[in-house]
Amino acid sequence: MIRKAVIPVAGLGTRFLPATKAQPKEMLPLVDKPVIQYIVEEAVEAGIKQIIFVTGRHKRAIEDHFDRNLELERALEEKGKLELLKMVKEISELADIIYIRQKEPLGLGHAILTAEPAVGNEPFAVLLGDDVMVSEPPAIKQLMDVFERYRCSVLGVQEVAKEDVSKYGIIGGREIESGTFKVDTLIEKPAVEEAPSCFAITGRYILTPGIFDALRRTPKGRGGEIQLTDGINILGEREAIYAKVMEGRRYDTGNKLGFLEATVDFALEREDLREPFLELLKRKLKEQE
């Protein structure tokens, strides 16, 4: 079973400056819940018991969010706000959480390698904190089910427009069952004419512990960083790699438009907000005419 998930959160979030000057981008709220909580809840819903955050400087707010706040709990209890008290307590009880500091910003591959002491010699999940997935079953569980069958690393992919392939790591291979591919090629941000397919890796992985040795043998790439894609390519020289087309809706909250889209959709799904929010949107659109 996959018991552990690594969530890298050491990035600086420069695309959201100045909002992220003093707070982690992962703590930006979608309505009233921070992005990172959606990611953790997905892992927990899939049956994962331990979350390993790979953090950097200025990420203390993430630790505080998943820790208990006794002063707040007391205040809520005294005011009789028991539903809010229950919600606050549940956040700190979601999972067993470990924090590991990535001391230098040396890329996603380096962040995963930093988590090795906590992961140990077992397969594990990786969930990127920018990609919020809305799906049933959870996106990472879809990958875990493929891992159960093949016992090899599994990459979560979704089909993207041909003109967008240069923004992603793109896989090539043969479909061995509906929505599952045996990966032969993996190219990071290829030119349109060089892309082996339109299936892009989108923020979810199941990796075997062999990835750690592969990452140690991965040379630094652009910007002096160790790329996870390069490490997976090296791993593929020794082990089979699979890819699963994830069913569900993906929101790239790492860019402003994706973040705003997620905010609108999540607000419209709330019974307490849907109608007044729709009226607000209609009024604003009319004002723009």
C-alpha atoms as a PDB file:
ATOM      1  CA  MET A   1       0.000   0.000   0.000  1.00  0.00           C
ATOM      2  CA  ILE A   2       0.974   3.622  -0.554  1.00  0.00           C
ATOM      3  CA  ARG A   3       1.163   5.042   2.968  1.00  0.00           C
ATOM      4  CA  LYS A   4       3.111   8.273   2.452  1.00  0.00           C
ATOM      5  CA  ALA A   5       2.741  11.357   0.296  1.00  0.00           C
ATOM      6  CA  VAL A   6       5.379  13.994  -0.416  1.00  0.00           C
ATOM      7  CA  ILE A   7       4.099  17.519  -1.040  1.00  0.00           C
ATOM      8  CA  PRO A   8       6.822  19.985  -2.106  1.00  0.00           C
ATOM      9  CA  VAL A   9       5.999  23.516  -0.901  1.00  0.00           C
ATOM     10  CA  ALA A  10       9.370  25.266  -0.949  1.00  0.00           C
ATOM     11  CA  GLY A  11       8.698  27.496  -3.973  1.00  0.00           C
ATOM     12  CA  LEU A  12       8.746  31.283  -3.639  1.00  0.00           C
ATOM     13  CA  GLY A  13       5.431  31.923  -5.415  1.00  0.00           C
ATOM     14  CA  THR A  14       6.787  34.891  -7.365  1.00  0.00           C
ATOM     15  CA  ARG A  15       3.853  34.882  -9.795  1.00  0.00           C
ATOM     16  CA  PHE A  16       1.588  36.036  -6.958  1.00  0.00           C
ATOM     17  CA  LEU A  17       3.734  38.838  -5.591  1.00  0.00           C
ATOM     18  CA  PRO A  18       3.131  40.992  -3.599  1.00  0.00           C
ATOM     19  CA  ALA A  19       0.506  38.694  -1.992  1.00  0.00           C
ATOM     20  CA  THR A  20       3.156  36.021  -1.397  1.00  0.00           C
ATOM     21  CA  LYS A  21       5.849  38.337  -0.039  1.00  0.00           C
ATOM     22  CA  ALA A  22       5.052  37.338   3.547  1.00  0.00           C
ATOM     23  CA  GLN A  23       2.776  34.287   3.165  1.00  0.00           C
ATOM     24  CA  PRO A  24       3.163  31.011   1.265  1.00  0.00           C
ATOM     25  CA  LYS A  25       1.352  30.802  -2.070  1.00  0.00           C
ATOM     26  CA  GLU A  26      -0.068  27.473  -0.857  1.00  0.00           C
ATOM     27  CA  MET A  27      -1.978  29.354   1.845  1.00  0.00           C
ATOM     28  CA  LEU A  28      -3.886  31.537  -0.615  1.00  0.00           C
ATOM     29  CA  PRO A  29      -7.583  30.734  -0.074  1.00  0.00           C
ATOM     30  CA  LEU A  30     -10.044  29.284  -2.531  1.00  0.00           C
ATOM     31  CA  VAL A  31     -13.101  30.960  -0.997  1.00  0.00           C
ATOM     32  CA  ASP A  32     -12.323  30.125   2.663  1.00  0.00           C
ATOM     33  CA  LYS A  33      -9.968  27.136   2.518  1.00  0.00           C
ATOM     34  CA  PRO A  34      -6.266  27.388   1.587  1.00  0.00           C
ATOM     35  CA  VAL A  35      -5.098  25.630  -1.560  1.00  0.00           C
ATOM     36  CA  ILE A  36      -2.787  23.312   0.379  1.00  0.00           C
ATOM     37  CA  GLN A  37      -5.659  21.910   2.443  1.00  0.00           C
ATOM     38  CA  TYR A  38      -7.400  20.670  -0.715  1.00  0.00           C
ATOM     39  CA  ILE A  39      -4.197  18.809  -1.630  1.00  0.00           C
ATOM     40  CA  VAL A  40      -3.851  17.206   1.808  1.00  0.00           C
ATOM     41  CA  GLU A  41      -7.528  16.231   1.882  1.00  0.00           C
ATOM     42  CA  GLU A  42      -7.162  14.488  -1.483  1.00  0.00           C
ATOM     43  CA  ALA A  43      -4.284  12.381  -0.149  1.00  0.00           C
ATOM     44  CA  VAL A  44      -6.139  11.542   3.069  1.00  0.00           C
ATOM     45  CA  GLU A  45      -9.309  10.597   1.195  1.00  0.00           C
ATOM     46  CA  ALA A  46      -7.202   8.199  -0.885  1.00  0.00           C
ATOM     47  CA  GLY A  47      -6.098   6.402   2.297  1.00  0.00           C
ATOM     48  CA  ILE A  48      -2.656   7.967   2.741  1.00  0.00           C
ATOM     49  CA  LYS A  49      -1.665   8.172   6.412  1.00  0.00           C
ATOM     50  CA  GLN A  50       1.445  10.355   6.446  1.00  0.00           C
ATOM     51  CA  ILE A  51       2.120  13.677   4.734  1.00  0.00           C
ATOM     52  CA  ILE A  52       5.710  14.823   4.194  1.00  0.00           C
ATOM     53  CA  PHE A  53       5.975  18.523   3.430  1.00  0.00           C
ATOM     54  CA  VAL A  54       9.234  19.648   1.834  1.00  0.00           C
ATOM     55  CA  THR A  55       9.354  23.269   2.937  1.00  0.00           C
ATOM     56  CA  GLY A  56      11.565  26.306   2.588  1.00  0.00           C
ATOM     57  CA  ARG A  57      11.943  29.623   4.344  1.00  0.00           C
ATOM     58  CA  HIS A  58       8.797  31.638   5.084  1.00  0.00           C
ATOM     59  CA  LYS A  59       6.567  28.543   5.093  1.00  0.00           C
ATOM     60  CA  ARG A  60       5.783  28.557   8.800  1.00  0.00           C
ATOM     61  CA  ALA A  61       2.143  29.439   8.108  1.00  0.00           C
ATOM     62  CA  ILE A  62       1.628  25.966   6.609  1.00  0.00           C
ATOM     63  CA  GLU A  63       2.897  24.336   9.799  1.00  0.00           C
ATOM     64  CA  ASP A  64       0.671  26.584  11.908  1.00  0.00           C
ATOM     65  CA  HIS A  65      -2.378  25.801   9.764  1.00  0.00           C
ATOM     66  CA  PHE A  66      -2.119  22.046  10.333  1.00  0.00           C
ATOM     67  CA  ASP A  67      -1.192  22.425  14.002  1.00  0.00           C
ATOM     68  CA  ARG A  68      -3.608  23.000  16.874  1.00  0.00           C
ATOM     69  CA  ASN A  69      -4.475  26.547  17.935  1.00  0.00           C
ATOM     70  CA  LEU A  70      -5.543  26.219  21.545  1.00  0.00           C
ATOM     71  CA  GLU A  71      -6.288  29.910  21.986  1.00  0.00           C
ATOM     72  CA  LEU A  72      -8.628  29.916  18.985  1.00  0.00           C
ATOM     73  CA  GLU A  73     -10.263  26.674  20.094  1.00  0.00           C
ATOM     74  CA  ARG A  74     -10.930  28.126  23.568  1.00  0.00           C
ATOM     75  CA  ALA A  75     -12.406  31.289  22.113  1.00  0.00           C
ATOM     76  CA  LEU A  76     -14.729  29.362  19.802  1.00  0.00           C
ATOM     77  CA  GLU A  77     -15.842  27.088  22.619  1.00  0.00           C
ATOM     78  CA  GLU A  78     -16.568  30.006  24.946  1.00  0.00           C
ATOM     79  CA  LYS A  79     -18.656  31.713  22.256  1.00  0.00           C
ATOM     80  CA  GLY A  80     -20.609  28.533  21.523  1.00  0.00           C
ATOM     81  CA  LYS A  81     -19.348  28.303  17.927  1.00  0.00           C
ATOM     82  CA  LEU A  82     -19.156  24.538  18.074  1.00  0.00           C
ATOM     83  CA  GLU A  83     -19.330  23.858  14.323  1.00  0.00           C
ATOM     84  CA  LEU A  84     -16.362  26.132  13.720  1.00  0.00           C
ATOM     85  CA  LEU A  85     -14.562  24.523  16.665  1.00  0.00           C
ATOM     86  CA  LYS A  86     -15.121  21.067  15.162  1.00  0.00           C
ATOM     87  CA  MET A  87     -13.834  22.224  11.766  1.00  0.00           C
ATOM     88  CA  VAL A  88     -10.693  23.786  13.250  1.00  0.00           C
ATOM     89  CA  LYS A  89      -9.875  20.664  15.273  1.00  0.00           C
ATOM     90  CA  GLU A  90     -10.362  18.381  12.261  1.00  0.00           C
ATOM     91  CA  ILE A  91      -7.708  20.263  10.295  1.00  0.00           C
ATOM     92  CA  SER A  92      -5.054  19.380  12.889  1.00  0.00           C
ATOM     93  CA  GLU A  93      -6.180  15.734  12.896  1.00  0.00           C
ATOM     94  CA  LEU A  94      -6.156  15.118   9.134  1.00  0.00           C
ATOM     95  CA  ALA A  95      -2.915  13.126   9.018  1.00  0.00           C
ATOM     96  CA  ASP A  96       0.470  12.485  10.582  1.00  0.00           C
ATOM     97  CA  ILE A  97       2.560  15.337   9.177  1.00  0.00           C
ATOM     98  CA  ILE A  98       6.338  15.654   8.865  1.00  0.00           C
ATOM     99  CA  TYR A  99       8.225  18.770   7.755  1.00  0.00           C
ATOM    100  CA  ILE A 100      11.604  18.647   6.018  1.00  0.00           C
ATOM    101  CA  ARG A 101      13.499  21.783   4.981  1.00  0.00           C
ATOM    102  CA  GLN A 102      14.856  22.073   1.448  1.00  0.00           C
ATOM    103  CA  LYS A 103      17.780  24.350   2.229  1.00  0.00           C
ATOM    104  CA  GLU A 104      18.483  25.400  -1.361  1.00  0.00           C
ATOM    105  CA  PRO A 105      16.030  25.974  -4.246  1.00  0.00           C
ATOM    106  CA  LEU A 106      17.521  23.298  -6.491  1.00  0.00           C
ATOM    107  CA  GLY A 107      14.375  22.127  -8.254  1.00  0.00           C
ATOM    108  CA  LEU A 108      11.546  19.650  -7.873  1.00  0.00           C
ATOM    109  CA  GLY A 109      13.824  16.638  -8.229  1.00  0.00           C
ATOM    110  CA  HIS A 110      16.002  17.893  -5.399  1.00  0.00           C
ATOM    111  CA  ALA A 111      12.910  18.495  -3.253  1.00  0.00           C
ATOM    112  CA  ILE A 112      11.831  14.868  -3.720  1.00  0.00           C
ATOM    113  CA  LEU A 113      15.367  13.665  -2.928  1.00  0.00           C
ATOM    114  CA  THR A 114      15.304  15.749   0.261  1.00  0.00           C
ATOM    115  CA  ALA A 115      12.314  13.687   1.447  1.00  0.00           C
ATOM    116  CA  GLU A 116      14.187  10.354   1.221  1.00  0.00           C
ATOM    117  CA  PRO A 117      14.934  10.014   4.974  1.00  0.00           C
ATOM    118  CA  ALA A 118      11.223  10.330   5.764  1.00  0.00           C
ATOM    119  CA  VAL A 119      10.009   8.139   2.903  1.00  0.00           C
ATOM    120  CA  GLY A 120      12.436   5.270   3.362  1.00  0.00           C
ATOM    121  CA  ASN A 121      12.511   2.243   1.090  1.00  0.00           C
ATOM    122  CA  GLU A 122       8.878   2.156  -0.014  1.00  0.00           C
ATOM    123  CA  PRO A 123       6.764   3.502  -2.868  1.00  0.00           C
ATOM    124  CA  PHE A 124       5.141   6.857  -2.213  1.00  0.00           C
ATOM    125  CA  ALA A 125       2.854   9.486  -3.702  1.00  0.00           C
ATOM    126  CA  VAL A 126       3.805  12.982  -4.828  1.00  0.00           C
ATOM    127  CA  LEU A 127       1.203  15.726  -5.054  1.00  0.00           C
ATOM    128  CA  LEU A 128       2.185  19.164  -6.302  1.00  0.00           C
ATOM    129  CA  GLY A 129       0.644  21.989  -4.330  1.00  0.00           C
ATOM    130  CA  ASP A 130      -0.347  24.109  -7.347  1.00  0.00           C
ATOM    131  CA  ASP A 131      -2.621  21.519  -8.956  1.00  0.00           C
ATOM    132  CA  VAL A 132      -6.030  21.144  -7.337  1.00  0.00           C
ATOM    133  CA  MET A 133      -7.940  18.136  -8.673  1.00  0.00           C
ATOM    134  CA  VAL A 134     -11.684  17.660  -8.306  1.00  0.00           C
ATOM    135  CA  SER A 135     -12.527  14.034  -9.022  1.00  0.00           C
ATOM    136  CA  GLU A 136     -14.144  10.890  -7.717  1.00  0.00           C
ATOM    137  CA  PRO A 137     -12.257   8.781  -6.842  1.00  0.00           C
ATOM    138  CA  PRO A 138      -9.448  11.182  -5.837  1.00  0.00           C
ATOM    139  CA  ALA A 139      -6.890  11.701  -8.575  1.00  0.00           C
ATOM    140  CA  ILE A 140      -4.028  10.206  -6.560  1.00  0.00           C
ATOM    141  CA  LYS A 141      -6.199   7.155  -5.776  1.00  0.00           C
ATOM    142  CA  GLN A 142      -6.625   6.573  -9.507  1.00  0.00           C
ATOM    143  CA  LEU A 143      -2.838   6.308  -9.760  1.00  0.00           C
ATOM    144  CA  MET A 144      -2.635   4.108  -6.683  1.00  0.00           C
ATOM    145  CA  ASP A 145      -5.044   1.636  -8.306  1.00  0.00           C
ATOM    146  CA  VAL A 146      -2.754   1.371 -11.351  1.00  0.00           C
ATOM    147  CA  PHE A 147       0.246   0.885  -9.067  1.00  0.00           C
ATOM    148  CA  GLU A 148      -1.551  -1.998  -7.358  1.00  0.00           C
ATOM    149  CA  ARG A 149      -1.751  -3.778 -10.718  1.00  0.00           C
ATOM    150  CA  TYR A 150       1.733  -3.114 -12.098  1.00  0.00           C
ATOM    151  CA  ARG A 151       3.912  -2.312  -9.053  1.00  0.00           C
ATOM    152  CA  CYS A 152       5.812   0.369 -10.970  1.00  0.00           C
ATOM    153  CA  SER A 153       5.934   4.141 -10.951  1.00  0.00           C
ATOM    154  CA  VAL A 154       2.792   5.808 -12.305  1.00  0.00           C
ATOM    155  CA  LEU A 155       2.536   9.342 -13.704  1.00  0.00           C
ATOM    156  CA  GLY A 156      -0.735  11.244 -13.617  1.00  0.00           C
ATOM    157  CA  VAL A 157      -1.464  12.769 -17.039  1.00  0.00           C
ATOM    158  CA  GLN A 158      -4.198  14.707 -18.788  1.00  0.00           C
ATOM    159  CA  GLU A 159      -4.622  15.620 -22.432  1.00  0.00           C
ATOM    160  CA  VAL A 160      -3.764  19.230 -23.294  1.00  0.00           C
ATOM    161  CA  ALA A 161      -4.125  21.305 -26.436  1.00  0.00           C
ATOM    162  CA  LYS A 162      -1.349  20.715 -28.959  1.00  0.00           C
ATOM    163  CA  GLU A 163      -0.231  24.335 -28.757  1.00  0.00           C
ATOM    164  CA  ASP A 164       0.259  23.945 -24.978  1.00  0.00           C
ATOM    165  CA  VAL A 165       2.596  20.923 -24.960  1.00  0.00           C
ATOM    166  CA  SER A 166       5.650  23.176 -24.543  1.00  0.00           C
ATOM    167  CA  LYS A 167       4.415  24.068 -21.031  1.00  0.00           C
ATOM    168  CA  TYR A 168       4.524  20.499 -19.661  1.00  0.00           C
ATOM    169  CA  GLY A 169       6.403  17.240 -19.424  1.00  0.00           C
ATOM    170  CA  ILE A 170       4.918  15.119 -22.219  1.00  0.00           C
ATOM    171  CA  ILE A 171       4.789  11.320 -22.314  1.00  0.00           C
ATOM    172  CA  GLY A 172       4.932   8.951 -25.243  1.00  0.00           C
ATOM    173  CA  GLY A 173       4.078   5.250 -25.204  1.00  0.00           C
ATOM    174  CA  ARG A 174       1.454   2.647 -25.953  1.00  0.00           C
ATOM    175  CA  GLU A 175      -1.957   2.299 -24.365  1.00  0.00           C
ATOM    176  CA  ILE A 176      -2.112  -1.068 -22.619  1.00  0.00           C
ATOM    177  CA  GLU A 177      -5.593  -0.638 -21.184  1.00  0.00           C
ATOM    178  CA  SER A 178      -8.161   2.125 -21.352  1.00  0.00           C
ATOM    179  CA  GLY A 179      -6.512   5.280 -20.055  1.00  0.00           C
ATOM    180  CA  THR A 180      -3.267   3.554 -18.967  1.00  0.00           C
ATOM    181  CA  PHE A 181      -0.017   3.802 -20.927  1.00  0.00           C
ATOM    182  CA  LYS A 182       3.333   2.032 -20.794  1.00  0.00           C
ATOM    183  CA  VAL A 183       5.687   5.005 -21.067  1.00  0.00           C
ATOM    184  CA  ASP A 184       8.490   4.821 -23.630  1.00  0.00           C
ATOM    185  CA  THR A 185       9.404   8.507 -23.852  1.00  0.00           C
ATOM    186  CA  LEU A 186       9.247  11.458 -21.497  1.00  0.00           C
ATOM    187  CA  ILE A 187      10.180  14.915 -22.777  1.00  0.00           C
ATOM    188  CA  GLU A 188      10.174  18.071 -20.655  1.00  0.00           C
ATOM    189  CA  LYS A 189       8.516  21.046 -22.404  1.00  0.00           C
ATOM    190  CA  PRO A 190       9.028  19.881 -25.999  1.00  0.00           C
ATOM    191  CA  ALA A 191       8.442  22.003 -29.063  1.00  0.00           C
ATOM    192  CA  VAL A 192       5.088  21.246 -30.690  1.00  0.00           C
ATOM    193  CA  GLU A 193       6.731  19.335 -33.548  1.00  0.00           C
ATOM    194  CA  GLU A 194       8.811  17.237 -31.112  1.00  0.00           C
ATOM    195  CA  ALA A 195       6.026  16.228 -28.711  1.00  0.00           C
ATOM    196  CA  PRO A 196       5.349  12.454 -28.747  1.00  0.00           C
ATOM    197  CA  SER A 197       1.714  13.026 -27.677  1.00  0.00           C
ATOM    198  CA  CYS A 198      -0.582  15.588 -26.062  1.00  0.00           C
ATOM    199  CA  PHE A 199      -0.636  13.789 -22.687  1.00  0.00           C
ATOM    200  CA  ALA A 200       0.955  16.048 -20.080  1.00  0.00           C
ATOM    201  CA  ILE A 201       2.141  15.214 -16.555  1.00  0.00           C
ATOM    202  CA  THR A 202      -0.086  17.262 -14.278  1.00  0.00           C
ATOM    203  CA  GLY A 203       1.045  17.216 -10.689  1.00  0.00           C
ATOM    204  CA  ARG A 204       0.414  13.657  -9.440  1.00  0.00           C
ATOM    205  CA  TYR A 205       2.886  10.765  -9.205  1.00  0.00           C
ATOM    206  CA  ILE A 206       3.363   7.376  -7.603  1.00  0.00           C
ATOM    207  CA  LEU A 207       7.099   6.699  -7.421  1.00  0.00           C
ATOM    208  CA  THR A 208       9.106   3.681  -6.362  1.00  0.00           C
ATOM    209  CA  PRO A 209      12.066   4.227  -3.995  1.00  0.00           C
ATOM    210  CA  GLY A 210      14.352   3.670  -6.977  1.00  0.00           C
ATOM    211  CA  ILE A 211      13.717   7.308  -7.858  1.00  0.00           C
ATOM    212  CA  PHE A 212      16.118   8.411  -5.123  1.00  0.00           C
ATOM    213  CA  ASP A 213      19.132   6.724  -6.672  1.00  0.00           C
ATOM    214  CA  ALA A 214      18.021   7.988 -10.075  1.00  0.00           C
ATOM    215  CA  LEU A 215      17.844  11.559  -8.762  1.00  0.00           C
ATOM    216  CA  ARG A 216      21.301  11.251  -7.220  1.00  0.00           C
ATOM    217  CA  ARG A 217      22.565  10.370 -10.700  1.00  0.00           C
ATOM    218  CA  THR A 218      20.624  13.168 -12.392  1.00  0.00           C
ATOM    219  CA  PRO A 219      22.810  16.051 -13.594  1.00  0.00           C
ATOM    220  CA  LYS A 220      21.671  19.587 -12.928  1.00  0.00           C
ATOM    221  CA  GLY A 221      19.686  21.058 -15.772  1.00  0.00           C
ATOM    222  CA  ARG A 222      18.475  24.527 -16.663  1.00  0.00           C
ATOM    223  CA  GLY A 223      18.975  27.036 -13.865  1.00  0.00           C
ATOM    224  CA  GLY A 224      21.209  24.615 -11.976  1.00  0.00           C
ATOM    225  CA  GLU A 225      18.173  22.615 -10.853  1.00  0.00           C
ATOM    226  CA  ILE A 226      17.612  18.857 -10.620  1.00  0.00           C
ATOM    227  CA  GLN A 227      14.517  18.123 -12.687  1.00  0.00           C
ATOM    228  CA  LEU A 228      12.165  15.346 -11.574  1.00  0.00           C
ATOM    229  CA  THR A 229      11.396  14.549 -15.214  1.00  0.00           C
ATOM    230  CA  ASP A 230      15.093  13.864 -15.857  1.00  0.00           C
ATOM    231  CA  GLY A 231      15.211  11.603 -12.793  1.00  0.00           C
ATOM    232  CA  ILE A 232      12.179   9.640 -13.983  1.00  0.00           C
ATOM    233  CA  ASN A 233      13.857   9.165 -17.365  1.00  0.00           C
ATOM    234  CA  ILE A 234      16.889   7.680 -15.611  1.00  0.00           C
ATOM    235  CA  LEU A 235      14.611   5.503 -13.466  1.00  0.00           C
ATOM    236  CA  GLY A 236      12.984   4.286 -16.683  1.00  0.00           C
ATOM    237  CA  GLU A 237      16.286   2.752 -17.773  1.00  0.00           C
ATOM    238  CA  ARG A 238      15.910   0.199 -14.936  1.00  0.00           C
ATOM    239  CA  GLU A 239      12.172   0.005 -14.246  1.00  0.00           C
ATOM    240  CA  ALA A 240       8.954   0.231 -16.210  1.00  0.00           C
ATOM    241  CA  ILE A 241       7.074   3.535 -16.015  1.00  0.00           C
ATOM    242  CA  TYR A 242       3.315   3.824 -16.513  1.00  0.00           C
ATOM    243  CA  ALA A 243       0.964   6.762 -16.971  1.00  0.00           C
ATOM    244  CA  LYS A 244      -2.685   7.073 -16.032  1.00  0.00           C
ATOM    245  CA  VAL A 245      -5.073   9.548 -17.643  1.00  0.00           C
ATOM    246  CA  MET A 246      -6.691  11.114 -14.591  1.00  0.00           C
ATOM    247  CA  GLU A 247     -10.428  11.629 -14.697  1.00  0.00           C
ATOM    248  CA  GLY A 248     -11.643  14.859 -13.130  1.00  0.00           C
ATOM    249  CA  ARG A 249     -11.169  18.589 -13.349  1.00  0.00           C
ATOM    250  CA  ARG A 250      -7.778  20.167 -12.793  1.00  0.00           C
ATOM    251  CA  TYR A 251      -7.148  23.718 -11.644  1.00  0.00           C
ATOM    252  CA  ASP A 252      -3.669  25.146 -12.055  1.00  0.00           C
ATOM    253  CA  THR A 253      -3.737  27.519  -9.096  1.00  0.00           C
ATOM    254  CA  GLY A 254      -0.096  28.389  -9.699  1.00  0.00           C
ATOM    255  CA  ASN A 255      -1.173  30.979 -12.262  1.00  0.00           C
ATOM    256  CA  LYS A 256      -3.573  33.842 -11.699  1.00  0.00           C
ATOM    257  CA  LEU A 257      -6.196  32.884 -14.251  1.00  0.00           C
ATOM    258  CA  GLY A 258      -6.317  29.281 -13.008  1.00  0.00           C
ATOM    259  CA  PHE A 259      -6.593  30.513  -9.433  1.00  0.00           C
ATOM    260  CA  LEU A 260      -9.489  32.829 -10.321  1.00  0.00           C
ATOM    261  CA  GLU A 261     -11.257  30.052 -12.236  1.00  0.00           C
ATOM    262  CA  ALA A 262     -10.988  27.752  -9.221  1.00  0.00           C
ATOM    263  CA  THR A 263     -12.275  30.487  -6.925  1.00  0.00           C
ATOM    264  CA  VAL A 264     -15.341  31.084  -9.109  1.00  0.00           C
ATOM    265  CA  ASP A 265     -16.131  27.371  -9.516  1.00  0.00           C
ATOM    266  CA  PHE A 266     -15.692  26.573  -5.834  1.00  0.00           C
ATOM    267  CA  ALA A 267     -17.878  29.527  -4.836  1.00  0.00           C
ATOM    268  CA  LEU A 268     -20.620  28.417  -7.240  1.00  0.00           C
ATOM    269  CA  GLU A 269     -20.592  24.930  -5.706  1.00  0.00           C
ATOM    270  CA  ARG A 270     -21.358  26.326  -2.242  1.00  0.00           C
ATOM    271  CA  GLU A 271     -25.051  26.276  -1.337  1.00  0.00           C
ATOM    272  CA  ASP A 272     -24.599  29.304   0.910  1.00  0.00           C
ATOM    273  CA  LEU A 273     -22.852  31.336  -1.804  1.00  0.00           C
ATOM    274  CA  ARG A 274     -24.138  30.154  -5.173  1.00  0.00           C
ATOM    275  CA  GLU A 275     -27.166  32.426  -5.643  1.00  0.00           C
ATOM    276  CA  PRO A 276     -25.744  35.679  -4.211  1.00  0.00           C
ATOM    277  CA  PHE A 277     -22.450  35.074  -6.015  1.00  0.00           C
ATOM    278  CA  LEU A 278     -24.237  34.501  -9.339  1.00  0.00           C
ATOM    279  CA  GLU A 279     -26.133  37.732  -8.837  1.00  0.00           C
ATOM    280  CA  LEU A 280     -22.863  39.504  -8.097  1.00  0.00           C
ATOM    281  CA  LEU A 281     -21.239  38.143 -11.269  1.00  0.00           C
ATOM    282  CA  LYS A 282     -24.240  39.137 -13.390  1.00  0.00           C
ATOM    283  CA  ARG A 283     -24.226  42.648 -11.956  1.00  0.00           C
ATOM    284  CA  LYS A 284     -20.500  43.043 -12.560  1.00  0.00           C
ATOM    285  CA  LEU A 285     -20.827  41.795 -16.147  1.00  0.00           C
ATOM    286  CA  LYS A 286     -23.642  44.262 -16.781  1.00  0.00           C
ATOM    287  CA  GLU A 287     -21.494  47.070 -15.404  1.00  0.00           C
ATOM    288  CA  GLN A 288     -18.787  46.185 -17.902  1.00  0.00           C
ATOM    289  CA  GLU A 289     -21.109  46.404 -20.907  1.00  0.00           C
END
